[in-house]
N, C-alpha and C. Protein backbone atom coordinates (compact mmCIF):
# COMPACT_ATOMS: atom_id res chain seq x y z
N MET A 1 -22.22 -81.83 50.23
CA MET A 1 -21.44 -81.63 49.02
C MET A 1 -21.58 -82.82 48.08
N HIS A 2 -21.47 -84.03 48.59
CA HIS A 2 -21.59 -85.22 47.75
C HIS A 2 -23.02 -85.41 47.27
N THR A 3 -23.96 -85.01 48.09
CA THR A 3 -25.37 -85.15 47.71
C THR A 3 -25.70 -84.26 46.52
N GLN A 4 -25.15 -83.06 46.51
CA GLN A 4 -25.40 -82.15 45.39
C GLN A 4 -24.81 -82.70 44.10
N ALA A 5 -23.65 -83.28 44.18
CA ALA A 5 -23.03 -83.87 42.99
C ALA A 5 -23.85 -85.06 42.49
N ALA A 6 -24.34 -85.87 43.42
CA ALA A 6 -25.16 -87.01 43.03
C ALA A 6 -26.46 -86.55 42.37
N LEU A 7 -27.09 -85.52 42.94
CA LEU A 7 -28.32 -85.01 42.35
C LEU A 7 -28.07 -84.39 40.98
N ALA A 8 -26.93 -83.75 40.78
CA ALA A 8 -26.59 -83.20 39.47
C ALA A 8 -26.45 -84.34 38.45
N GLY A 9 -25.84 -85.44 38.86
CA GLY A 9 -25.72 -86.58 37.96
C GLY A 9 -27.05 -87.21 37.64
N VAL A 10 -27.91 -87.33 38.63
CA VAL A 10 -29.25 -87.88 38.40
C VAL A 10 -30.04 -86.96 37.48
N ASN A 11 -29.91 -85.66 37.68
CA ASN A 11 -30.61 -84.70 36.84
C ASN A 11 -30.17 -84.85 35.39
N ALA A 12 -28.88 -84.99 35.15
CA ALA A 12 -28.38 -85.15 33.79
C ALA A 12 -28.89 -86.45 33.17
N ALA A 13 -28.96 -87.50 33.96
CA ALA A 13 -29.45 -88.78 33.45
C ALA A 13 -30.93 -88.68 33.08
N VAL A 14 -31.71 -88.01 33.90
CA VAL A 14 -33.14 -87.85 33.62
C VAL A 14 -33.35 -87.03 32.35
N VAL A 15 -32.57 -85.97 32.19
CA VAL A 15 -32.69 -85.16 30.97
C VAL A 15 -32.35 -86.00 29.75
N GLY A 16 -31.32 -86.83 29.83
CA GLY A 16 -30.96 -87.70 28.71
C GLY A 16 -32.06 -88.69 28.39
N LEU A 17 -32.66 -89.27 29.40
CA LEU A 17 -33.76 -90.21 29.18
C LEU A 17 -34.97 -89.52 28.54
N LEU A 18 -35.28 -88.33 29.00
CA LEU A 18 -36.41 -87.59 28.42
C LEU A 18 -36.15 -87.23 26.95
N LEU A 19 -34.92 -86.83 26.65
CA LEU A 19 -34.60 -86.52 25.25
C LEU A 19 -34.68 -87.77 24.37
N ALA A 20 -34.22 -88.89 24.88
CA ALA A 20 -34.30 -90.14 24.12
C ALA A 20 -35.76 -90.55 23.90
N ALA A 21 -36.57 -90.39 24.94
CA ALA A 21 -37.99 -90.74 24.81
C ALA A 21 -38.71 -89.79 23.86
N LEU A 22 -38.30 -88.54 23.83
CA LEU A 22 -38.91 -87.58 22.92
C LEU A 22 -38.52 -87.86 21.48
N TYR A 23 -37.27 -88.21 21.25
CA TYR A 23 -36.79 -88.41 19.90
C TYR A 23 -37.46 -89.60 19.21
N SER A 24 -37.41 -90.74 19.87
CA SER A 24 -37.81 -91.97 19.20
C SER A 24 -39.27 -91.99 18.76
N PRO A 25 -40.25 -91.85 19.62
CA PRO A 25 -41.62 -91.93 19.10
C PRO A 25 -42.14 -90.62 18.54
N VAL A 26 -41.67 -89.49 19.06
CA VAL A 26 -42.29 -88.21 18.68
C VAL A 26 -41.58 -87.58 17.49
N TRP A 27 -40.30 -87.34 17.61
CA TRP A 27 -39.58 -86.59 16.58
C TRP A 27 -39.62 -87.30 15.23
N ILE A 28 -39.33 -88.59 15.21
CA ILE A 28 -39.24 -89.29 13.92
C ILE A 28 -40.60 -89.51 13.27
N SER A 29 -41.67 -89.36 14.04
CA SER A 29 -43.00 -89.54 13.45
C SER A 29 -43.71 -88.22 13.21
N ALA A 30 -43.11 -87.08 13.59
CA ALA A 30 -43.81 -85.81 13.46
C ALA A 30 -43.06 -84.76 12.66
N VAL A 31 -41.75 -84.80 12.66
CA VAL A 31 -40.97 -83.75 12.00
C VAL A 31 -40.45 -84.29 10.67
N PHE A 32 -41.11 -83.85 9.58
CA PHE A 32 -40.75 -84.32 8.24
C PHE A 32 -40.21 -83.20 7.36
N LYS A 33 -40.75 -82.00 7.52
CA LYS A 33 -40.42 -80.88 6.65
C LYS A 33 -39.74 -79.77 7.45
N PRO A 34 -39.09 -78.84 6.77
CA PRO A 34 -38.51 -77.70 7.49
C PRO A 34 -39.56 -76.89 8.26
N ALA A 35 -40.78 -76.83 7.76
CA ALA A 35 -41.83 -76.10 8.47
C ALA A 35 -42.15 -76.77 9.81
N ASP A 36 -42.09 -78.09 9.86
CA ASP A 36 -42.30 -78.80 11.12
C ASP A 36 -41.20 -78.46 12.13
N PHE A 37 -39.97 -78.43 11.64
CA PHE A 37 -38.85 -78.07 12.51
C PHE A 37 -38.99 -76.64 13.02
N ASP A 38 -39.42 -75.74 12.15
CA ASP A 38 -39.64 -74.35 12.57
C ASP A 38 -40.68 -74.25 13.67
N MET A 39 -41.73 -75.06 13.58
CA MET A 39 -42.75 -75.05 14.63
C MET A 39 -42.18 -75.53 15.96
N VAL A 40 -41.33 -76.55 15.91
CA VAL A 40 -40.71 -77.06 17.13
C VAL A 40 -39.84 -75.98 17.76
N VAL A 41 -39.05 -75.30 16.94
CA VAL A 41 -38.18 -74.24 17.44
C VAL A 41 -39.00 -73.12 18.06
N LEU A 42 -40.07 -72.71 17.39
CA LEU A 42 -40.93 -71.65 17.94
C LEU A 42 -41.56 -72.06 19.27
N ALA A 43 -41.98 -73.31 19.37
CA ALA A 43 -42.58 -73.78 20.62
C ALA A 43 -41.56 -73.77 21.75
N VAL A 44 -40.35 -74.23 21.48
CA VAL A 44 -39.32 -74.25 22.52
C VAL A 44 -38.93 -72.83 22.92
N VAL A 45 -38.79 -71.94 21.95
CA VAL A 45 -38.47 -70.54 22.26
C VAL A 45 -39.60 -69.91 23.07
N GLY A 46 -40.84 -70.21 22.69
CA GLY A 46 -41.97 -69.67 23.44
C GLY A 46 -42.00 -70.13 24.88
N LEU A 47 -41.65 -71.38 25.10
CA LEU A 47 -41.64 -71.90 26.47
C LEU A 47 -40.45 -71.42 27.28
N MET A 48 -39.27 -71.47 26.68
CA MET A 48 -38.05 -71.23 27.45
C MET A 48 -37.66 -69.76 27.54
N PHE A 49 -37.80 -69.01 26.46
CA PHE A 49 -37.29 -67.65 26.45
C PHE A 49 -38.38 -66.60 26.62
N TRP A 50 -39.53 -66.83 25.98
CA TRP A 50 -40.62 -65.87 26.11
C TRP A 50 -41.50 -66.16 27.31
N LYS A 51 -41.29 -67.29 27.97
CA LYS A 51 -42.03 -67.68 29.18
C LYS A 51 -43.54 -67.69 28.97
N LEU A 52 -43.97 -68.19 27.80
CA LEU A 52 -45.40 -68.31 27.53
C LEU A 52 -45.97 -69.48 28.33
N PRO A 53 -47.24 -69.42 28.70
CA PRO A 53 -47.85 -70.56 29.39
C PRO A 53 -47.91 -71.78 28.47
N PRO A 54 -47.68 -72.97 29.02
CA PRO A 54 -47.69 -74.18 28.19
C PRO A 54 -48.98 -74.38 27.42
N TRP A 55 -50.13 -74.07 28.02
CA TRP A 55 -51.39 -74.28 27.33
C TRP A 55 -51.47 -73.40 26.08
N LEU A 56 -50.90 -72.19 26.14
CA LEU A 56 -50.91 -71.31 24.99
C LEU A 56 -50.00 -71.83 23.88
N VAL A 57 -48.86 -72.38 24.26
CA VAL A 57 -47.94 -72.95 23.28
C VAL A 57 -48.57 -74.16 22.59
N VAL A 58 -49.26 -74.99 23.36
CA VAL A 58 -49.92 -76.17 22.79
C VAL A 58 -51.03 -75.75 21.82
N LEU A 59 -51.86 -74.82 22.24
CA LEU A 59 -52.95 -74.37 21.37
C LEU A 59 -52.43 -73.69 20.11
N SER A 60 -51.44 -72.82 20.26
CA SER A 60 -50.92 -72.13 19.08
C SER A 60 -50.17 -73.08 18.16
N SER A 61 -49.49 -74.08 18.71
CA SER A 61 -48.81 -75.07 17.87
C SER A 61 -49.83 -75.90 17.09
N GLY A 62 -50.93 -76.27 17.75
CA GLY A 62 -51.98 -77.00 17.05
C GLY A 62 -52.60 -76.18 15.95
N ALA A 63 -52.82 -74.89 16.21
CA ALA A 63 -53.39 -74.01 15.19
C ALA A 63 -52.43 -73.84 14.02
N MET A 64 -51.15 -73.67 14.32
CA MET A 64 -50.16 -73.54 13.24
C MET A 64 -50.06 -74.83 12.43
N GLY A 65 -50.11 -75.97 13.10
CA GLY A 65 -50.07 -77.24 12.39
C GLY A 65 -51.27 -77.42 11.49
N TRP A 66 -52.43 -77.05 11.98
CA TRP A 66 -53.65 -77.16 11.17
C TRP A 66 -53.56 -76.22 9.96
N LEU A 67 -53.11 -74.98 10.19
CA LEU A 67 -52.98 -74.04 9.07
C LEU A 67 -51.95 -74.51 8.05
N LEU A 68 -50.81 -75.00 8.52
CA LEU A 68 -49.80 -75.50 7.58
C LEU A 68 -50.29 -76.73 6.83
N GLY A 69 -51.10 -77.55 7.50
CA GLY A 69 -51.64 -78.74 6.84
C GLY A 69 -52.65 -78.40 5.77
N THR A 70 -53.40 -77.31 5.96
CA THR A 70 -54.40 -76.93 4.97
C THR A 70 -53.79 -76.11 3.85
N VAL A 71 -52.72 -75.37 4.14
CA VAL A 71 -52.11 -74.50 3.13
C VAL A 71 -51.11 -75.26 2.28
N LEU A 72 -50.29 -76.08 2.92
CA LEU A 72 -49.22 -76.76 2.16
C LEU A 72 -49.66 -78.08 1.62
């Protein structure tokens, strides 16, 4: 019982560290426009809710970024 509670606390701490690491170098240097934010939301939805393979999300995000960079 105590081990499960300890693991739940460690899990929460790891998630917090990962979010902090994602925000500082990645988010502030990559998300500038609403279109960038929309791409992030689509990627997260694709991974978490639509259960798309990560390689497909990475490739499609790169393609969308390239298209948005050439169009906008």
